[in-house]
Amino acid sequence: MAALAWLIIPVVAGVLAAVWATWAARPPRAMTDPTSLAEHERFRAAMERSTGVRD
């Protein structure tokens, strides 16, 4: 059973490394996408709104 555990550890590590490498190498999101630009504008509008108490 101990030999099986020593075999499973590198296999799981290899699978996790492959998943991470696939995720890290994915193409970046397009910045000219109209949906992305609309999301950014909504974010900017929300950040410009005051949520604090004025003096």
PDB file of N, CA and C in Angstrom:
ATOM      1  N   MET A   1       0.820  -1.197   0.000  1.00  0.00           N
ATOM      2  CA  MET A   1       0.000   0.000   0.000  1.00  0.00           C
ATOM      3  C   MET A   1       0.866   1.264   0.000  1.00  0.00           C
ATOM      4  N   ALA A   2       1.999   1.228   0.703  1.00  0.00           N
ATOM      5  CA  ALA A   2       2.879   2.384   0.739  1.00  0.00           C
ATOM      6  C   ALA A   2       3.472   2.662  -0.642  1.00  0.00           C
ATOM      7  N   ALA A   3       3.739   1.595  -1.392  1.00  0.00           N
ATOM      8  CA  ALA A   3       4.273   1.782  -2.743  1.00  0.00           C
ATOM      9  C   ALA A   3       3.240   2.453  -3.636  1.00  0.00           C
ATOM     10  N   LEU A   4       1.988   2.115  -3.440  1.00  0.00           N
ATOM     11  CA  LEU A   4       0.923   2.741  -4.215  1.00  0.00           C
ATOM     12  C   LEU A   4       0.823   4.229  -3.889  1.00  0.00           C
ATOM     13  N   ALA A   5       0.965   4.575  -2.626  1.00  0.00           N
ATOM     14  CA  ALA A   5       0.927   5.987  -2.237  1.00  0.00           C
ATOM     15  C   ALA A   5       2.087   6.749  -2.872  1.00  0.00           C
ATOM     16  N   TRP A   6       3.281   6.147  -2.902  1.00  0.00           N
ATOM     17  CA  TRP A   6       4.422   6.800  -3.519  1.00  0.00           C
ATOM     18  C   TRP A   6       4.258   6.940  -5.028  1.00  0.00           C
ATOM     19  N   LEU A   7       3.449   6.107  -5.619  1.00  0.00           N
ATOM     20  CA  LEU A   7       3.177   6.207  -7.048  1.00  0.00           C
ATOM     21  C   LEU A   7       2.097   7.243  -7.318  1.00  0.00           C
ATOM     22  N   ILE A   8       1.112   7.319  -6.454  1.00  0.00           N
ATOM     23  CA  ILE A   8      -0.009   8.239  -6.669  1.00  0.00           C
ATOM     24  C   ILE A   8       0.430   9.695  -6.504  1.00  0.00           C
ATOM     25  N   ILE A   9       1.320   9.975  -5.580  1.00  0.00           N
ATOM     26  CA  ILE A   9       1.738  11.360  -5.321  1.00  0.00           C
ATOM     27  C   ILE A   9       2.306  12.026  -6.575  1.00  0.00           C
ATOM     28  N   PRO A  10       3.263  11.427  -7.284  1.00  0.00           N
ATOM     29  CA  PRO A  10       3.762  12.105  -8.496  1.00  0.00           C
ATOM     30  C   PRO A  10       2.730  12.152  -9.620  1.00  0.00           C
ATOM     31  N   VAL A  11       1.863  11.163  -9.691  1.00  0.00           N
ATOM     32  CA  VAL A  11       0.829  11.180 -10.735  1.00  0.00           C
ATOM     33  C   VAL A  11      -0.134  12.339 -10.495  1.00  0.00           C
ATOM     34  N   VAL A  12      -0.567  12.512  -9.257  1.00  0.00           N
ATOM     35  CA  VAL A  12      -1.468  13.623  -8.931  1.00  0.00           C
ATOM     36  C   VAL A  12      -0.759  14.959  -9.153  1.00  0.00           C
ATOM     37  N   ALA A  13       0.501  15.040  -8.768  1.00  0.00           N
ATOM     38  CA  ALA A  13       1.261  16.272  -8.992  1.00  0.00           C
ATOM     39  C   ALA A  13       1.387  16.572 -10.480  1.00  0.00           C
ATOM     40  N   GLY A  14       1.595  15.556 -11.294  1.00  0.00           N
ATOM     41  CA  GLY A  14       1.682  15.748 -12.740  1.00  0.00           C
ATOM     42  C   GLY A  14       0.363  16.214 -13.339  1.00  0.00           C
ATOM     43  N   VAL A  15      -0.725  15.649 -12.873  1.00  0.00           N
ATOM     44  CA  VAL A  15      -2.049  16.065 -13.367  1.00  0.00           C
ATOM     45  C   VAL A  15      -2.321  17.514 -12.971  1.00  0.00           C
ATOM     46  N   LEU A  16      -2.029  17.858 -11.723  1.00  0.00           N
ATOM     47  CA  LEU A  16      -2.221  19.241 -11.291  1.00  0.00           C
ATOM     48  C   LEU A  16      -1.339  20.211 -12.073  1.00  0.00           C
ATOM     49  N   ALA A  17      -0.105  19.807 -12.361  1.00  0.00           N
ATOM     50  CA  ALA A  17       0.790  20.655 -13.152  1.00  0.00           C
ATOM     51  C   ALA A  17       0.257  20.835 -14.570  1.00  0.00           C
ATOM     52  N   ALA A  18      -0.293  19.785 -15.146  1.00  0.00           N
ATOM     53  CA  ALA A  18      -0.855  19.875 -16.492  1.00  0.00           C
ATOM     54  C   ALA A  18      -2.078  20.790 -16.521  1.00  0.00           C
ATOM     55  N   VAL A  19      -2.918  20.684 -15.509  1.00  0.00           N
ATOM     56  CA  VAL A  19      -4.100  21.559 -15.431  1.00  0.00           C
ATOM     57  C   VAL A  19      -3.670  23.009 -15.267  1.00  0.00           C
ATOM     58  N   TRP A  20      -2.701  23.253 -14.389  1.00  0.00           N
ATOM     59  CA  TRP A  20      -2.223  24.617 -14.189  1.00  0.00           C
ATOM     60  C   TRP A  20      -1.599  25.172 -15.468  1.00  0.00           C
ATOM     61  N   ALA A  21      -0.796  24.371 -16.156  1.00  0.00           N
ATOM     62  CA  ALA A  21      -0.144  24.834 -17.383  1.00  0.00           C
ATOM     63  C   ALA A  21      -1.172  25.156 -18.455  1.00  0.00           C
ATOM     64  N   THR A  22      -2.210  24.342 -18.547  1.00  0.00           N
ATOM     65  CA  THR A  22      -3.274  24.611 -19.517  1.00  0.00           C
ATOM     66  C   THR A  22      -3.973  25.915 -19.178  1.00  0.00           C
ATOM     67  N   TRP A  23      -4.255  26.128 -17.898  1.00  0.00           N
ATOM     68  CA  TRP A  23      -4.933  27.345 -17.472  1.00  0.00           C
ATOM     69  C   TRP A  23      -4.043  28.571 -17.674  1.00  0.00           C
ATOM     70  N   ALA A  24      -2.766  28.444 -17.384  1.00  0.00           N
ATOM     71  CA  ALA A  24      -1.843  29.572 -17.510  1.00  0.00           C
ATOM     72  C   ALA A  24      -1.580  29.940 -18.968  1.00  0.00           C
ATOM     73  N   ALA A  25      -1.700  28.997 -19.877  1.00  0.00           N
ATOM     74  CA  ALA A  25      -1.393  29.247 -21.286  1.00  0.00           C
ATOM     75  C   ALA A  25      -2.627  29.628 -22.101  1.00  0.00           C
ATOM     76  N   ARG A  26      -3.754  29.809 -21.440  1.00  0.00           N
ATOM     77  CA  ARG A  26      -4.967  30.142 -22.195  1.00  0.00           C
ATOM     78  C   ARG A  26      -4.814  31.517 -22.831  1.00  0.00           C
ATOM     79  N   PRO A  27      -5.471  31.746 -23.941  1.00  0.00           N
ATOM     80  CA  PRO A  27      -5.346  33.049 -24.594  1.00  0.00           C
ATOM     81  C   PRO A  27      -6.011  34.135 -23.752  1.00  0.00           C
ATOM     82  N   PRO A  28      -5.455  35.339 -23.778  1.00  0.00           N
ATOM     83  CA  PRO A  28      -6.059  36.421 -22.992  1.00  0.00           C
ATOM     84  C   PRO A  28      -7.401  36.843 -23.569  1.00  0.00           C
ATOM     85  N   ARG A  29      -8.228  37.402 -22.702  1.00  0.00           N
ATOM     86  CA  ARG A  29      -9.522  37.893 -23.167  1.00  0.00           C
ATOM     87  C   ARG A  29      -9.311  39.116 -24.048  1.00  0.00           C
ATOM     88  N   ALA A  30     -10.115  39.231 -25.060  1.00  0.00           N
ATOM     89  CA  ALA A  30     -10.029  40.373 -25.965  1.00  0.00           C
ATOM     90  C   ALA A  30     -10.487  41.629 -25.237  1.00  0.00           C
ATOM     91  N   MET A  31      -9.689  42.669 -25.320  1.00  0.00           N
ATOM     92  CA  MET A  31     -10.041  43.909 -24.646  1.00  0.00           C
ATOM     93  C   MET A  31     -10.962  44.776 -25.496  1.00  0.00           C
ATOM     94  N   THR A  32     -11.149  44.430 -26.756  1.00  0.00           N
ATOM     95  CA  THR A  32     -12.016  45.226 -27.620  1.00  0.00           C
ATOM     96  C   THR A  32     -13.427  44.670 -27.667  1.00  0.00           C
ATOM     97  N   ASP A  33     -13.688  43.673 -26.869  1.00  0.00           N
ATOM     98  CA  ASP A  33     -15.009  43.077 -26.808  1.00  0.00           C
ATOM     99  C   ASP A  33     -15.994  44.102 -26.236  1.00  0.00           C
ATOM    100  N   PRO A  34     -17.106  44.363 -26.911  1.00  0.00           N
ATOM    101  CA  PRO A  34     -18.068  45.352 -26.395  1.00  0.00           C
ATOM    102  C   PRO A  34     -18.588  45.009 -25.001  1.00  0.00           C
ATOM    103  N   THR A  35     -18.755  43.742 -24.713  1.00  0.00           N
ATOM    104  CA  THR A  35     -19.220  43.345 -23.385  1.00  0.00           C
ATOM    105  C   THR A  35     -18.178  43.712 -22.338  1.00  0.00           C
ATOM    106  N   SER A  36     -16.907  43.480 -22.654  1.00  0.00           N
ATOM    107  CA  SER A  36     -15.832  43.810 -21.724  1.00  0.00           C
ATOM    108  C   SER A  36     -15.768  45.321 -21.489  1.00  0.00           C
ATOM    109  N   LEU A  37     -15.924  46.095 -22.551  1.00  0.00           N
ATOM    110  CA  LEU A  37     -15.897  47.549 -22.406  1.00  0.00           C
ATOM    111  C   LEU A  37     -17.081  48.039 -21.584  1.00  0.00           C
ATOM    112  N   ALA A  38     -18.245  47.447 -21.777  1.00  0.00           N
ATOM    113  CA  ALA A  38     -19.421  47.832 -21.003  1.00  0.00           C
ATOM    114  C   ALA A  38     -19.232  47.479 -19.528  1.00  0.00           C
ATOM    115  N   GLU A  39     -18.643  46.329 -19.263  1.00  0.00           N
ATOM    116  CA  GLU A  39     -18.367  45.947 -17.872  1.00  0.00           C
ATOM    117  C   GLU A  39     -17.402  46.940 -17.228  1.00  0.00           C
ATOM    118  N   HIS A  40     -16.397  47.355 -17.982  1.00  0.00           N
ATOM    119  CA  HIS A  40     -15.429  48.315 -17.451  1.00  0.00           C
ATOM    120  C   HIS A  40     -16.095  49.653 -17.161  1.00  0.00           C
ATOM    121  N   GLU A  41     -16.966  50.106 -18.030  1.00  0.00           N
ATOM    122  CA  GLU A  41     -17.667  51.368 -17.813  1.00  0.00           C
ATOM    123  C   GLU A  41     -18.574  51.288 -16.590  1.00  0.00           C
ATOM    124  N   ARG A  42     -19.248  50.157 -16.400  1.00  0.00           N
ATOM    125  CA  ARG A  42     -20.090  49.976 -15.208  1.00  0.00           C
ATOM    126  C   ARG A  42     -19.228  50.001 -13.948  1.00  0.00           C
ATOM    127  N   PHE A  43     -18.051  49.377 -14.024  1.00  0.00           N
ATOM    128  CA  PHE A  43     -17.134  49.375 -12.888  1.00  0.00           C
ATOM    129  C   PHE A  43     -16.676  50.798 -12.569  1.00  0.00           C
ATOM    130  N   ARG A  44     -16.295  51.552 -13.587  1.00  0.00           N
ATOM    131  CA  ARG A  44     -15.848  52.924 -13.369  1.00  0.00           C
ATOM    132  C   ARG A  44     -16.952  53.784 -12.783  1.00  0.00           C
ATOM    133  N   ALA A  45     -18.171  53.610 -13.284  1.00  0.00           N
ATOM    134  CA  ALA A  45     -19.297  54.387 -12.765  1.00  0.00           C
ATOM    135  C   ALA A  45     -19.555  54.050 -11.299  1.00  0.00           C
ATOM    136  N   ALA A  46     -19.448  52.774 -10.964  1.00  0.00           N
ATOM    137  CA  ALA A  46     -19.657  52.375  -9.569  1.00  0.00           C
ATOM    138  C   ALA A  46     -18.567  52.927  -8.670  1.00  0.00           C
ATOM    139  N   MET A  47     -17.335  52.989  -9.154  1.00  0.00           N
ATOM    140  CA  MET A  47     -16.239  53.490  -8.347  1.00  0.00           C
ATOM    141  C   MET A  47     -16.317  55.012  -8.173  1.00  0.00           C
ATOM    142  N   GLU A  48     -16.928  55.700  -9.130  1.00  0.00           N
ATOM    143  CA  GLU A  48     -17.041  57.155  -9.036  1.00  0.00           C
ATOM    144  C   GLU A  48     -18.133  57.588  -8.071  1.00  0.00           C
ATOM    145  N   ARG A  49     -19.127  56.731  -7.854  1.00  0.00           N
ATOM    146  CA  ARG A  49     -20.205  57.075  -6.926  1.00  0.00           C
ATOM    147  C   ARG A  49     -19.668  57.151  -5.509  1.00  0.00           C
ATOM    148  N   SER A  50     -20.159  58.121  -4.788  1.00  0.00           N
ATOM    149  CA  SER A  50     -19.711  58.281  -3.400  1.00  0.00           C
ATOM    150  C   SER A  50     -20.521  57.374  -2.495  1.00  0.00           C
ATOM    151  N   THR A  51     -19.815  56.651  -1.629  1.00  0.00           N
ATOM    152  CA  THR A  51     -20.507  55.808  -0.669  1.00  0.00           C
ATOM    153  C   THR A  51     -20.267  56.296   0.752  1.00  0.00           C
ATOM    154  N   GLY A  52     -19.423  57.287   0.900  1.00  0.00           N
ATOM    155  CA  GLY A  52     -19.096  57.797   2.230  1.00  0.00           C
ATOM    156  C   GLY A  52     -19.973  58.971   2.609  1.00  0.00           C
ATOM    157  N   VAL A  53     -19.821  59.401   3.841  1.00  0.00           N
ATOM    158  CA  VAL A  53     -20.555  60.563   4.342  1.00  0.00           C
ATOM    159  C   VAL A  53     -19.742  61.812   4.043  1.00  0.00           C
ATOM    160  N   ARG A  54     -20.404  62.821   3.498  1.00  0.00           N
ATOM    161  CA  ARG A  54     -19.697  64.057   3.171  1.00  0.00           C
ATOM    162  C   ARG A  54     -19.544  64.915   4.416  1.00  0.00           C
ATOM    163  N   ASP A  55     -18.441  65.654   4.468  1.00  0.00           N
ATOM    164  CA  ASP A  55     -18.197  66.532   5.625  1.00  0.00           C
ATOM    165  C   ASP A  55     -18.951  67.827   5.489  1.00  0.00           C
TER     166      ASP A  55
END
